[in-house]
Amino acid sequence: MAKTDKNVSVGEYVAFEVDSRVEPFFKKGMPFAKLVVAAEGDHVLVKNGILSVNGKEIKHLSDKNLNKMGIKKEALNRDITLNKGELWGVGTHPDSFGSMYWGRIYPNQVIGQIYPIY
C-alpha cells in the first residue's frame, strides 16, 4: 500500500486532479503534477504576464499558451493571498500550464506529494 502525503510545502511537487477550470484544454479529473511555489498566506501576483510570489519574480506566462487559449496576458492578472490549504503550482517547462492559467489548487484536489525522477 502506498503512503499518500497530502501535506505539500513550497519547493515540493504536488499531484492533484484538475477541475472544470481547465476545460476545454484538459479533461476534468486528469492528474497533474506541479512544483509548489506558494502556499497558505503567500501573496501571489500575476501582472502583465509575470508571476511573483511575496514580491519575488518566479515565472512568465507563455505566449504559445496564451495564443492557444486565445486570450491576452492581462486577462490572467491576479492579486491574491492564498487561504488555508491552498497551493500555487507551476510547471518546470516554459510552456507548461499551471496556476497562472487556472488559479489556485484547492485542498480537495490534492492527491499528494510526488517525487520527480531525474
PDB file of N, CA and C in Angstrom:
ATOM      1  N   MET A   1       0.840  -1.176   0.000  1.00  0.00           N
ATOM      2  CA  MET A   1       0.000   0.000   0.000  1.00  0.00           C
ATOM      3  C   MET A   1       0.890   1.246   0.000  1.00  0.00           C
ATOM      4  N   ALA A   2       0.574   2.188  -0.853  1.00  0.00           N
ATOM      5  CA  ALA A   2       1.355   3.420  -0.972  1.00  0.00           C
ATOM      6  C   ALA A   2       0.893   4.428   0.068  1.00  0.00           C
ATOM      7  N   LYS A   3       1.838   5.156   0.607  1.00  0.00           N
ATOM      8  CA  LYS A   3       1.527   6.229   1.547  1.00  0.00           C
ATOM      9  C   LYS A   3       1.282   7.504   0.746  1.00  0.00           C
ATOM     10  N   THR A   4       0.212   8.207   1.047  1.00  0.00           N
ATOM     11  CA  THR A   4      -0.088   9.461   0.374  1.00  0.00           C
ATOM     12  C   THR A   4       0.050  10.593   1.379  1.00  0.00           C
ATOM     13  N   ASP A   5       0.984  11.500   1.118  1.00  0.00           N
ATOM     14  CA  ASP A   5       1.201  12.647   1.989  1.00  0.00           C
ATOM     15  C   ASP A   5       0.571  13.863   1.344  1.00  0.00           C
ATOM     16  N   LYS A   6      -0.544  14.311   1.907  1.00  0.00           N
ATOM     17  CA  LYS A   6      -1.247  15.470   1.351  1.00  0.00           C
ATOM     18  C   LYS A   6      -0.715  16.786   1.889  1.00  0.00           C
ATOM     19  N   ASN A   7       0.246  16.743   2.786  1.00  0.00           N
ATOM     20  CA  ASN A   7       0.874  17.952   3.313  1.00  0.00           C
ATOM     21  C   ASN A   7       2.043  18.315   2.411  1.00  0.00           C
ATOM     22  N   VAL A   8       1.789  19.201   1.477  1.00  0.00           N
ATOM     23  CA  VAL A   8       2.786  19.583   0.489  1.00  0.00           C
ATOM     24  C   VAL A   8       3.209  21.025   0.744  1.00  0.00           C
ATOM     25  N   SER A   9       4.504  21.261   0.729  1.00  0.00           N
ATOM     26  CA  SER A   9       5.054  22.583   1.031  1.00  0.00           C
ATOM     27  C   SER A   9       5.684  23.221  -0.198  1.00  0.00           C
ATOM     28  N   VAL A  10       5.958  24.499  -0.093  1.00  0.00           N
ATOM     29  CA  VAL A  10       6.667  25.224  -1.153  1.00  0.00           C
ATOM     30  C   VAL A  10       8.002  24.525  -1.404  1.00  0.00           C
ATOM     31  N   GLY A  11       8.331  24.356  -2.694  1.00  0.00           N
ATOM     32  CA  GLY A  11       9.566  23.688  -3.087  1.00  0.00           C
ATOM     33  C   GLY A  11       9.389  22.209  -3.340  1.00  0.00           C
ATOM     34  N   GLU A  12       8.220  21.669  -3.021  1.00  0.00           N
ATOM     35  CA  GLU A  12       7.920  20.259  -3.262  1.00  0.00           C
ATOM     36  C   GLU A  12       6.988  20.150  -4.468  1.00  0.00           C
ATOM     37  N   TYR A  13       6.808  18.931  -4.945  1.00  0.00           N
ATOM     38  CA  TYR A  13       5.912  18.689  -6.079  1.00  0.00           C
ATOM     39  C   TYR A  13       4.615  18.090  -5.584  1.00  0.00           C
ATOM     40  N   VAL A  14       3.524  18.518  -6.202  1.00  0.00           N
ATOM     41  CA  VAL A  14       2.209  18.041  -5.814  1.00  0.00           C
ATOM     42  C   VAL A  14       1.525  17.374  -7.009  1.00  0.00           C
ATOM     43  N   ALA A  15       0.834  16.270  -6.730  1.00  0.00           N
ATOM     44  CA  ALA A  15      -0.057  15.650  -7.708  1.00  0.00           C
ATOM     45  C   ALA A  15      -1.472  16.033  -7.300  1.00  0.00           C
ATOM     46  N   PHE A  16      -2.282  16.405  -8.269  1.00  0.00           N
ATOM     47  CA  PHE A  16      -3.654  16.816  -7.978  1.00  0.00           C
ATOM     48  C   PHE A  16      -4.537  16.540  -9.183  1.00  0.00           C
ATOM     49  N   GLU A  17      -5.824  16.464  -8.943  1.00  0.00           N
ATOM     50  CA  GLU A  17      -6.803  16.299 -10.017  1.00  0.00           C
ATOM     51  C   GLU A  17      -7.326  17.670 -10.405  1.00  0.00           C
ATOM     52  N   VAL A  18      -7.291  17.968 -11.691  1.00  0.00           N
ATOM     53  CA  VAL A  18      -7.771  19.271 -12.157  1.00  0.00           C
ATOM     54  C   VAL A  18      -9.292  19.308 -12.146  1.00  0.00           C
ATOM     55  N   ASP A  19      -9.813  20.504 -11.997  1.00  0.00           N
ATOM     56  CA  ASP A  19     -11.259  20.670 -12.012  1.00  0.00           C
ATOM     57  C   ASP A  19     -11.708  21.281 -13.341  1.00  0.00           C
ATOM     58  N   SER A  20     -12.941  21.736 -13.405  1.00  0.00           N
ATOM     59  CA  SER A  20     -13.509  22.213 -14.670  1.00  0.00           C
ATOM     60  C   SER A  20     -12.859  23.489 -15.193  1.00  0.00           C
ATOM     61  N   ARG A  21     -12.042  24.167 -14.393  1.00  0.00           N
ATOM     62  CA  ARG A  21     -11.383  25.397 -14.869  1.00  0.00           C
ATOM     63  C   ARG A  21     -10.426  25.138 -16.025  1.00  0.00           C
ATOM     64  N   VAL A  22      -9.999  23.889 -16.203  1.00  0.00           N
ATOM     65  CA  VAL A  22      -9.036  23.575 -17.264  1.00  0.00           C
ATOM     66  C   VAL A  22      -9.703  23.234 -18.595  1.00  0.00           C
ATOM     67  N   GLU A  23     -11.010  23.049 -18.576  1.00  0.00           N
ATOM     68  CA  GLU A  23     -11.714  22.701 -19.807  1.00  0.00           C
ATOM     69  C   GLU A  23     -11.805  23.907 -20.718  1.00  0.00           C
ATOM     70  N   PRO A  24     -11.768  23.789 -22.001  1.00  0.00           N
ATOM     71  CA  PRO A  24     -11.762  22.576 -22.813  1.00  0.00           C
ATOM     72  C   PRO A  24     -10.358  22.071 -23.167  1.00  0.00           C
ATOM     73  N   PHE A  25      -9.342  22.624 -22.559  1.00  0.00           N
ATOM     74  CA  PHE A  25      -7.973  22.258 -22.933  1.00  0.00           C
ATOM     75  C   PHE A  25      -7.530  20.932 -22.329  1.00  0.00           C
ATOM     76  N   PHE A  26      -8.068  20.616 -21.169  1.00  0.00           N
ATOM     77  CA  PHE A  26      -7.782  19.355 -20.496  1.00  0.00           C
ATOM     78  C   PHE A  26      -9.077  18.837 -19.899  1.00  0.00           C
ATOM     79  N   LYS A  27      -9.132  17.540 -19.662  1.00  0.00           N
ATOM     80  CA  LYS A  27     -10.335  16.913 -19.136  1.00  0.00           C
ATOM     81  C   LYS A  27     -10.374  16.998 -17.609  1.00  0.00           C
ATOM     82  N   LYS A  28     -11.517  17.406 -17.070  1.00  0.00           N
ATOM     83  CA  LYS A  28     -11.718  17.458 -15.630  1.00  0.00           C
ATOM     84  C   LYS A  28     -11.372  16.101 -15.025  1.00  0.00           C
ATOM     85  N   GLY A  29     -10.652  16.112 -13.903  1.00  0.00           N
ATOM     86  CA  GLY A  29     -10.280  14.876 -13.227  1.00  0.00           C
ATOM     87  C   GLY A  29      -8.916  14.330 -13.610  1.00  0.00           C
ATOM     88  N   MET A  30      -8.299  14.914 -14.661  1.00  0.00           N
ATOM     89  CA  MET A  30      -6.955  14.469 -15.054  1.00  0.00           C
ATOM     90  C   MET A  30      -5.964  14.745 -13.931  1.00  0.00           C
ATOM     91  N   PRO A  31      -5.016  13.841 -13.724  1.00  0.00           N
ATOM     92  CA  PRO A  31      -3.982  14.134 -12.738  1.00  0.00           C
ATOM     93  C   PRO A  31      -2.922  15.043 -13.340  1.00  0.00           C
ATOM     94  N   PHE A  32      -2.550  16.063 -12.597  1.00  0.00           N
ATOM     95  CA  PHE A  32      -1.480  16.979 -12.970  1.00  0.00           C
ATOM     96  C   PHE A  32      -0.403  16.897 -11.894  1.00  0.00           C
ATOM     97  N   ALA A  33       0.789  17.319 -12.241  1.00  0.00           N
ATOM     98  CA  ALA A  33       1.882  17.421 -11.279  1.00  0.00           C
ATOM     99  C   ALA A  33       2.548  18.772 -11.488  1.00  0.00           C
ATOM    100  N   LYS A  34       2.760  19.498 -10.407  1.00  0.00           N
ATOM    101  CA  LYS A  34       3.358  20.836 -10.486  1.00  0.00           C
ATOM    102  C   LYS A  34       4.280  21.068  -9.299  1.00  0.00           C
ATOM    103  N   LEU A  35       5.228  21.972  -9.495  1.00  0.00           N
ATOM    104  CA  LEU A  35       6.102  22.439  -8.431  1.00  0.00           C
ATOM    105  C   LEU A  35       5.348  23.498  -7.637  1.00  0.00           C
ATOM    106  N   VAL A  36       5.283  23.335  -6.339  1.00  0.00           N
ATOM    107  CA  VAL A  36       4.575  24.293  -5.490  1.00  0.00           C
ATOM    108  C   VAL A  36       5.481  25.503  -5.223  1.00  0.00           C
ATOM    109  N   VAL A  37       4.988  26.691  -5.616  1.00  0.00           N
ATOM    110  CA  VAL A  37       5.758  27.925  -5.411  1.00  0.00           C
ATOM    111  C   VAL A  37       5.111  28.857  -4.394  1.00  0.00           C
ATOM    112  N   ALA A  38       3.895  28.532  -3.964  1.00  0.00           N
ATOM    113  CA  ALA A  38       3.212  29.344  -2.957  1.00  0.00           C
ATOM    114  C   ALA A  38       2.211  28.470  -2.220  1.00  0.00           C
ATOM    115  N   ALA A  39       2.003  28.809  -0.939  1.00  0.00           N
ATOM    116  CA  ALA A  39       1.064  28.073  -0.098  1.00  0.00           C
ATOM    117  C   ALA A  39       0.350  29.060   0.817  1.00  0.00           C
ATOM    118  N   GLU A  40      -0.401  28.535   1.757  1.00  0.00           N
ATOM    119  CA  GLU A  40      -1.203  29.342   2.671  1.00  0.00           C
ATOM    120  C   GLU A  40      -0.466  30.586   3.181  1.00  0.00           C
ATOM    121  N   GLY A  41      -1.123  31.742   3.014  1.00  0.00           N
ATOM    122  CA  GLY A  41      -0.573  33.002   3.497  1.00  0.00           C
ATOM    123  C   GLY A  41       0.318  33.733   2.513  1.00  0.00           C
ATOM    124  N   ASP A  42       0.728  33.056   1.448  1.00  0.00           N
ATOM    125  CA  ASP A  42       1.600  33.705   0.463  1.00  0.00           C
ATOM    126  C   ASP A  42       0.805  34.652  -0.436  1.00  0.00           C
ATOM    127  N   HIS A  43       1.447  35.763  -0.801  1.00  0.00           N
ATOM    128  CA  HIS A  43       0.853  36.741  -1.710  1.00  0.00           C
ATOM    129  C   HIS A  43       1.277  36.402  -3.128  1.00  0.00           C
ATOM    130  N   VAL A  44       0.291  36.180  -3.990  1.00  0.00           N
ATOM    131  CA  VAL A  44       0.521  35.821  -5.387  1.00  0.00           C
ATOM    132  C   VAL A  44       0.051  36.972  -6.270  1.00  0.00           C
ATOM    133  N   LEU A  45       0.944  37.419  -7.138  1.00  0.00           N
ATOM    134  CA  LEU A  45       0.618  38.489  -8.076  1.00  0.00           C
ATOM    135  C   LEU A  45       0.974  38.028  -9.479  1.00  0.00           C
ATOM    136  N   VAL A  46      -0.018  38.045 -10.362  1.00  0.00           N
ATOM    137  CA  VAL A  46       0.228  37.819 -11.783  1.00  0.00           C
ATOM    138  C   VAL A  46      -0.159  39.125 -12.460  1.00  0.00           C
ATOM    139  N   LYS A  47       0.831  39.805 -13.026  1.00  0.00           N
ATOM    140  CA  LYS A  47       0.580  41.108 -13.636  1.00  0.00           C
ATOM    141  C   LYS A  47       1.407  41.228 -14.899  1.00  0.00           C
ATOM    142  N   ASN A  48       0.716  41.546 -16.001  1.00  0.00           N
ATOM    143  CA  ASN A  48       1.367  41.714 -17.297  1.00  0.00           C
ATOM    144  C   ASN A  48       2.239  40.520 -17.678  1.00  0.00           C
ATOM    145  N   GLY A  49       1.738  39.339 -17.348  1.00  0.00           N
ATOM    146  CA  GLY A  49       2.417  38.116 -17.768  1.00  0.00           C
ATOM    147  C   GLY A  49       3.534  37.637 -16.860  1.00  0.00           C
ATOM    148  N   ILE A  50       3.703  38.265 -15.700  1.00  0.00           N
ATOM    149  CA  ILE A  50       4.781  37.884 -14.786  1.00  0.00           C
ATOM    150  C   ILE A  50       4.172  37.424 -13.462  1.00  0.00           C
ATOM    151  N   LEU A  51       4.589  36.247 -13.008  1.00  0.00           N
ATOM    152  CA  LEU A  51       4.173  35.716 -11.716  1.00  0.00           C
ATOM    153  C   LEU A  51       5.197  36.095 -10.659  1.00  0.00           C
ATOM    154  N   SER A  52       4.719  36.699  -9.574  1.00  0.00           N
ATOM    155  CA  SER A  52       5.563  36.998  -8.417  1.00  0.00           C
ATOM    156  C   SER A  52       4.898  36.412  -7.181  1.00  0.00           C
ATOM    157  N   VAL A  53       5.719  35.873  -6.281  1.00  0.00           N
ATOM    158  CA  VAL A  53       5.232  35.357  -5.012  1.00  0.00           C
ATOM    159  C   VAL A  53       5.978  36.093  -3.902  1.00  0.00           C
ATOM    160  N   ASN A  54       5.209  36.740  -3.046  1.00  0.00           N
ATOM    161  CA  ASN A  54       5.788  37.534  -1.949  1.00  0.00           C
ATOM    162  C   ASN A  54       6.857  38.502  -2.459  1.00  0.00           C
ATOM    163  N   GLY A  55       6.582  39.100  -3.641  1.00  0.00           N
ATOM    164  CA  GLY A  55       7.472  40.108  -4.208  1.00  0.00           C
ATOM    165  C   GLY A  55       8.626  39.573  -5.037  1.00  0.00           C
ATOM    166  N   LYS A  56       8.777  38.248  -5.112  1.00  0.00           N
ATOM    167  CA  LYS A  56       9.873  37.644  -5.875  1.00  0.00           C
ATOM    168  C   LYS A  56       9.350  37.105  -7.210  1.00  0.00           C
ATOM    169  N   GLU A  57       9.959  37.578  -8.308  1.00  0.00           N
ATOM    170  CA  GLU A  57       9.556  37.115  -9.635  1.00  0.00           C
ATOM    171  C   GLU A  57       9.883  35.635  -9.789  1.00  0.00           C
ATOM    172  N   ILE A  58       8.888  34.865 -10.262  1.00  0.00           N
ATOM    173  CA  ILE A  58       9.024  33.409 -10.359  1.00  0.00           C
ATOM    174  C   ILE A  58       9.020  32.917 -11.802  1.00  0.00           C
ATOM    175  N   LYS A  59       8.059  33.381 -12.606  1.00  0.00           N
ATOM    176  CA  LYS A  59       7.870  32.820 -13.942  1.00  0.00           C
ATOM    177  C   LYS A  59       7.099  33.790 -14.819  1.00  0.00           C
ATOM    178  N   HIS A  60       7.222  33.599 -16.143  1.00  0.00           N
ATOM    179  CA  HIS A  60       6.479  34.393 -17.132  1.00  0.00           C
ATOM    180  C   HIS A  60       5.451  33.509 -17.819  1.00  0.00           C
ATOM    181  N   LEU A  61       4.327  34.114 -18.184  1.00  0.00           N
ATOM    182  CA  LEU A  61       3.336  33.406 -18.985  1.00  0.00           C
ATOM    183  C   LEU A  61       3.925  33.085 -20.351  1.00  0.00           C
ATOM    184  N   SER A  62       3.492  31.993 -20.922  1.00  0.00           N
ATOM    185  CA  SER A  62       3.957  31.559 -22.237  1.00  0.00           C
ATOM    186  C   SER A  62       3.092  32.169 -23.338  1.00  0.00           C
ATOM    187  N   ASP A  63       3.721  32.882 -24.283  1.00  0.00           N
ATOM    188  CA  ASP A  63       2.977  33.420 -25.431  1.00  0.00           C
ATOM    189  C   ASP A  63       2.311  32.297 -26.213  1.00  0.00           C
ATOM    190  N   LYS A  64       2.991  31.166 -26.317  1.00  0.00           N
ATOM    191  CA  LYS A  64       2.433  29.999 -27.017  1.00  0.00           C
ATOM    192  C   LYS A  64       1.112  29.560 -26.363  1.00  0.00           C
ATOM    193  N   ASN A  65       1.094  29.485 -25.042  1.00  0.00           N
ATOM    194  CA  ASN A  65      -0.120  29.070 -24.329  1.00  0.00           C
ATOM    195  C   ASN A  65      -1.221  30.118 -24.432  1.00  0.00           C
ATOM    196  N   LEU A  66      -0.845  31.381 -24.324  1.00  0.00           N
ATOM    197  CA  LEU A  66      -1.841  32.446 -24.454  1.00  0.00           C
ATOM    198  C   LEU A  66      -2.499  32.403 -25.830  1.00  0.00           C
ATOM    199  N   ASN A  67      -1.704  32.191 -26.867  1.00  0.00           N
ATOM    200  CA  ASN A  67      -2.257  32.089 -28.225  1.00  0.00           C
ATOM    201  C   ASN A  67      -3.177  30.881 -28.345  1.00  0.00           C
ATOM    202  N   LYS A  68      -2.764  29.765 -27.750  1.00  0.00           N
ATOM    203  CA  LYS A  68      -3.581  28.543 -27.796  1.00  0.00           C
ATOM    204  C   LYS A  68      -4.928  28.780 -27.107  1.00  0.00           C
ATOM    205  N   MET A  69      -4.903  29.518 -26.004  1.00  0.00           N
ATOM    206  CA  MET A  69      -6.125  29.800 -25.255  1.00  0.00           C
ATOM    207  C   MET A  69      -6.930  30.937 -25.867  1.00  0.00           C
ATOM    208  N   GLY A  70      -6.308  31.721 -26.755  1.00  0.00           N
ATOM    209  CA  GLY A  70      -6.997  32.832 -27.394  1.00  0.00           C
ATOM    210  C   GLY A  70      -7.280  33.990 -26.452  1.00  0.00           C
ATOM    211  N   ILE A  71      -6.352  34.238 -25.495  1.00  0.00           N
ATOM    212  CA  ILE A  71      -6.548  35.338 -24.544  1.00  0.00           C
ATOM    213  C   ILE A  71      -5.292  36.200 -24.462  1.00  0.00           C
ATOM    214  N   LYS A  72      -5.459  37.378 -23.934  1.00  0.00           N
ATOM    215  CA  LYS A  72      -4.334  38.289 -23.699  1.00  0.00           C
ATOM    216  C   LYS A  72      -3.840  38.090 -22.271  1.00  0.00           C
ATOM    217  N   LYS A  73      -2.565  38.342 -22.035  1.00  0.00           N
ATOM    218  CA  LYS A  73      -1.980  38.109 -20.711  1.00  0.00           C
ATOM    219  C   LYS A  73      -2.686  38.907 -19.611  1.00  0.00           C
ATOM    220  N   GLU A  74      -3.212  40.076 -19.936  1.00  0.00           N
ATOM    221  CA  GLU A  74      -3.898  40.896 -18.944  1.00  0.00           C
ATOM    222  C   GLU A  74      -5.143  40.196 -18.386  1.00  0.00           C
ATOM    223  N   ALA A  75      -5.724  39.290 -19.161  1.00  0.00           N
ATOM    224  CA  ALA A  75      -6.915  38.561 -18.713  1.00  0.00           C
ATOM    225  C   ALA A  75      -6.605  37.643 -17.535  1.00  0.00           C
ATOM    226  N   LEU A  76      -5.322  37.339 -17.320  1.00  0.00           N
ATOM    227  CA  LEU A  76      -4.923  36.439 -16.245  1.00  0.00           C
ATOM    228  C   LEU A  76      -4.324  37.169 -15.043  1.00  0.00           C
ATOM    229  N   ASN A  77      -4.413  38.511 -15.042  1.00  0.00           N
ATOM    230  CA  ASN A  77      -3.908  39.267 -13.895  1.00  0.00           C
ATOM    231  C   ASN A  77      -4.645  38.844 -12.630  1.00  0.00           C
ATOM    232  N   ARG A  78      -3.871  38.649 -11.547  1.00  0.00           N
ATOM    233  CA  ARG A  78      -4.435  38.274 -10.249  1.00  0.00           C
ATOM    234  C   ARG A  78      -3.609  38.934  -9.156  1.00  0.00           C
ATOM    235  N   ASP A  79      -4.251  39.210  -8.046  1.00  0.00           N
ATOM    236  CA  ASP A  79      -3.575  39.737  -6.864  1.00  0.00           C
ATOM    237  C   ASP A  79      -4.294  39.118  -5.674  1.00  0.00           C
ATOM    238  N   ILE A  80      -3.755  38.025  -5.152  1.00  0.00           N
ATOM    239  CA  ILE A  80      -4.455  37.264  -4.118  1.00  0.00           C
ATOM    240  C   ILE A  80      -3.492  36.814  -3.017  1.00  0.00           C
ATOM    241  N   THR A  81      -4.073  36.441  -1.905  1.00  0.00           N
ATOM    242  CA  THR A  81      -3.355  35.773  -0.828  1.00  0.00           C
ATOM    243  C   THR A  81      -4.004  34.406  -0.672  1.00  0.00           C
ATOM    244  N   LEU A  82      -3.178  33.361  -0.643  1.00  0.00           N
ATOM    245  CA  LEU A  82      -3.706  32.002  -0.571  1.00  0.00           C
ATOM    246  C   LEU A  82      -4.274  31.695   0.817  1.00  0.00           C
ATOM    247  N   ASN A  83      -5.397  31.001   0.813  1.00  0.00           N
ATOM    248  CA  ASN A  83      -6.085  30.601   2.040  1.00  0.00           C
ATOM    249  C   ASN A  83      -5.560  29.261   2.550  1.00  0.00           C
ATOM    250  N   LYS A  84      -6.036  28.854   3.698  1.00  0.00           N
ATOM    251  CA  LYS A  84      -5.609  27.606   4.328  1.00  0.00           C
ATOM    252  C   LYS A  84      -5.722  26.428   3.356  1.00  0.00           C
ATOM    253  N   GLY A  85      -4.627  25.708   3.202  1.00  0.00           N
ATOM    254  CA  GLY A  85      -4.604  24.509   2.381  1.00  0.00           C
ATOM    255  C   GLY A  85      -4.442  24.736   0.884  1.00  0.00           C
ATOM    256  N   GLU A  86      -4.525  25.977   0.434  1.00  0.00           N
ATOM    257  CA  GLU A  86      -4.406  26.258  -0.999  1.00  0.00           C
ATOM    258  C   GLU A  86      -2.945  26.294  -1.427  1.00  0.00           C
ATOM    259  N   LEU A  87      -2.713  25.888  -2.671  1.00  0.00           N
ATOM    260  CA  LEU A  87      -1.369  25.866  -3.241  1.00  0.00           C
ATOM    261  C   LEU A  87      -1.367  26.594  -4.574  1.00  0.00           C
ATOM    262  N   TRP A  88      -0.184  27.000  -5.017  1.00  0.00           N
ATOM    263  CA  TRP A  88       0.008  27.608  -6.340  1.00  0.00           C
ATOM    264  C   TRP A  88       1.126  26.821  -6.993  1.00  0.00           C
ATOM    265  N   GLY A  89       0.823  26.202  -8.122  1.00  0.00           N
ATOM    266  CA  GLY A  89       1.794  25.334  -8.772  1.00  0.00           C
ATOM    267  C   GLY A  89       2.184  25.813 -10.151  1.00  0.00           C
ATOM    268  N   VAL A  90       3.443  25.553 -10.505  1.00  0.00           N
ATOM    269  CA  VAL A  90       3.941  25.880 -11.841  1.00  0.00           C
ATOM    270  C   VAL A  90       4.628  24.658 -12.424  1.00  0.00           C
ATOM    271  N   GLY A  91       4.653  24.613 -13.735  1.00  0.00           N
ATOM    272  CA  GLY A  91       5.424  23.595 -14.423  1.00  0.00           C
ATOM    273  C   GLY A  91       6.858  24.067 -14.582  1.00  0.00           C
ATOM    274  N   THR A  92       7.748  23.134 -14.750  1.00  0.00           N
ATOM    275  CA  THR A  92       9.156  23.493 -14.881  1.00  0.00           C
ATOM    276  C   THR A  92       9.543  23.800 -16.329  1.00  0.00           C
ATOM    277  N   HIS A  93       8.701  23.449 -17.280  1.00  0.00           N
ATOM    278  CA  HIS A  93       8.944  23.780 -18.690  1.00  0.00           C
ATOM    279  C   HIS A  93       8.344  25.158 -18.971  1.00  0.00           C
ATOM    280  N   PRO A  94       9.016  25.999 -19.764  1.00  0.00           N
ATOM    281  CA  PRO A  94       8.494  27.352 -20.031  1.00  0.00           C
ATOM    282  C   PRO A  94       7.082  27.378 -20.607  1.00  0.00           C
ATOM    283  N   ASP A  95       6.672  26.338 -21.348  1.00  0.00           N
ATOM    284  CA  ASP A  95       5.348  26.326 -21.969  1.00  0.00           C
ATOM    285  C   ASP A  95       4.340  25.460 -21.220  1.00  0.00           C
ATOM    286  N   SER A  96       4.640  25.058 -19.999  1.00  0.00           N
ATOM    287  CA  SER A  96       3.686  24.221 -19.270  1.00  0.00           C
ATOM    288  C   SER A  96       2.584  25.088 -18.664  1.00  0.00           C
ATOM    289  N   PHE A  97       1.428  24.482 -18.519  1.00  0.00           N
ATOM    290  CA  PHE A  97       0.297  25.156 -17.885  1.00  0.00           C
ATOM    291  C   PHE A  97       0.406  24.974 -16.378  1.00  0.00           C
ATOM    292  N   GLY A  98      -0.165  25.883 -15.644  1.00  0.00           N
ATOM    293  CA  GLY A  98      -0.158  25.796 -14.187  1.00  0.00           C
ATOM    294  C   GLY A  98      -1.117  26.808 -13.602  1.00  0.00           C
ATOM    295  N   SER A  99      -0.936  27.116 -12.350  1.00  0.00           N
ATOM    296  CA  SER A  99      -1.850  28.006 -11.643  1.00  0.00           C
ATOM    297  C   SER A  99      -1.957  29.395 -12.254  1.00  0.00           C
ATOM    298  N   MET A 100      -0.931  29.841 -12.969  1.00  0.00           N
ATOM    299  CA  MET A 100      -1.020  31.163 -13.609  1.00  0.00           C
ATOM    300  C   MET A 100      -2.183  31.209 -14.592  1.00  0.00           C
ATOM    301  N   TYR A 101      -2.548  30.062 -15.134  1.00  0.00           N
ATOM    302  CA  TYR A 101      -3.630  29.995 -16.114  1.00  0.00           C
ATOM    303  C   TYR A 101      -4.969  29.638 -15.464  1.00  0.00           C
ATOM    304  N   TRP A 102      -4.975  28.772 -14.443  1.00  0.00           N
ATOM    305  CA  TRP A 102      -6.216  28.230 -13.889  1.00  0.00           C
ATOM    306  C   TRP A 102      -6.512  28.692 -12.472  1.00  0.00           C
ATOM    307  N   GLY A 103      -5.502  29.177 -11.772  1.00  0.00           N
ATOM    308  CA  GLY A 103      -5.741  29.630 -10.407  1.00  0.00           C
ATOM    309  C   GLY A 103      -5.252  28.651  -9.352  1.00  0.00           C
ATOM    310  N   ARG A 104      -5.784  28.818  -8.170  1.00  0.00           N
ATOM    311  CA  ARG A 104      -5.361  28.058  -7.000  1.00  0.00           C
ATOM    312  C   ARG A 104      -5.583  26.556  -7.155  1.00  0.00           C
ATOM    313  N   ILE A 105      -4.779  25.787  -6.438  1.00  0.00           N
ATOM    314  CA  ILE A 105      -5.023  24.359  -6.265  1.00  0.00           C
ATOM    315  C   ILE A 105      -5.696  24.244  -4.900  1.00  0.00           C
ATOM    316  N   TYR A 106      -6.921  23.734  -4.894  1.00  0.00           N
ATOM    317  CA  TYR A 106      -7.685  23.633  -3.655  1.00  0.00           C
ATOM    318  C   TYR A 106      -7.365  22.325  -2.935  1.00  0.00           C
ATOM    319  N   PRO A 107      -7.502  22.311  -1.605  1.00  0.00           N
ATOM    320  CA  PRO A 107      -7.161  21.111  -0.838  1.00  0.00           C
ATOM    321  C   PRO A 107      -7.864  19.839  -1.318  1.00  0.00           C
ATOM    322  N   ASN A 108      -9.125  19.951  -1.757  1.00  0.00           N
ATOM    323  CA  ASN A 108      -9.858  18.760  -2.196  1.00  0.00           C
ATOM    324  C   ASN A 108      -9.342  18.201  -3.521  1.00  0.00           C
ATOM    325  N   GLN A 109      -8.468  18.923  -4.207  1.00  0.00           N
ATOM    326  CA  GLN A 109      -7.888  18.444  -5.462  1.00  0.00           C
ATOM    327  C   GLN A 109      -6.596  17.646  -5.233  1.00  0.00           C
ATOM    328  N   VAL A 110      -5.965  17.846  -4.095  1.00  0.00           N
ATOM    329  CA  VAL A 110      -4.639  17.283  -3.850  1.00  0.00           C
ATOM    330  C   VAL A 110      -4.692  15.772  -3.675  1.00  0.00           C
ATOM    331  N   ILE A 111      -3.854  15.086  -4.459  1.00  0.00           N
ATOM    332  CA  ILE A 111      -3.652  13.646  -4.311  1.00  0.00           C
ATOM    333  C   ILE A 111      -2.532  13.420  -3.300  1.00  0.00           C
ATOM    334  N   GLY A 112      -1.444  14.167  -3.456  1.00  0.00           N
ATOM    335  CA  GLY A 112      -0.347  14.068  -2.501  1.00  0.00           C
ATOM    336  C   GLY A 112       0.948  14.550  -3.089  1.00  0.00           C
ATOM    337  N   GLN A 113       1.978  14.506  -2.250  1.00  0.00           N
ATOM    338  CA  GLN A 113       3.319  14.903  -2.679  1.00  0.00           C
ATOM    339  C   GLN A 113       3.896  13.829  -3.602  1.00  0.00           C
ATOM    340  N   ILE A 114       4.624  14.284  -4.621  1.00  0.00           N
ATOM    341  CA  ILE A 114       5.296  13.349  -5.522  1.00  0.00           C
ATOM    342  C   ILE A 114       6.770  13.715  -5.591  1.00  0.00           C
ATOM    343  N   TYR A 115       7.543  12.787  -6.124  1.00  0.00           N
ATOM    344  CA  TYR A 115       8.984  12.961  -6.174  1.00  0.00           C
ATOM    345  C   TYR A 115       9.458  12.726  -7.606  1.00  0.00           C
ATOM    346  N   PRO A 116       9.950  13.777  -8.264  1.00  0.00           N
ATOM    347  CA  PRO A 116      10.412  13.608  -9.654  1.00  0.00           C
ATOM    348  C   PRO A 116      11.662  12.739  -9.699  1.00  0.00           C
ATOM    349  N   ILE A 117      11.784  12.033 -10.791  1.00  0.00           N
ATOM    350  CA  ILE A 117      12.985  11.212 -11.046  1.00  0.00           C
ATOM    351  C   ILE A 117      13.760  11.891 -12.152  1.00  0.00           C
ATOM    352  N   TYR A 118      15.011  12.176 -11.895  1.00  0.00           N
ATOM    353  CA  TYR A 118      15.847  12.868 -12.879  1.00  0.00           C
ATOM    354  C   TYR A 118      16.761  11.907 -13.565  1.00  0.00           C
TER     355      TYR A 118
END
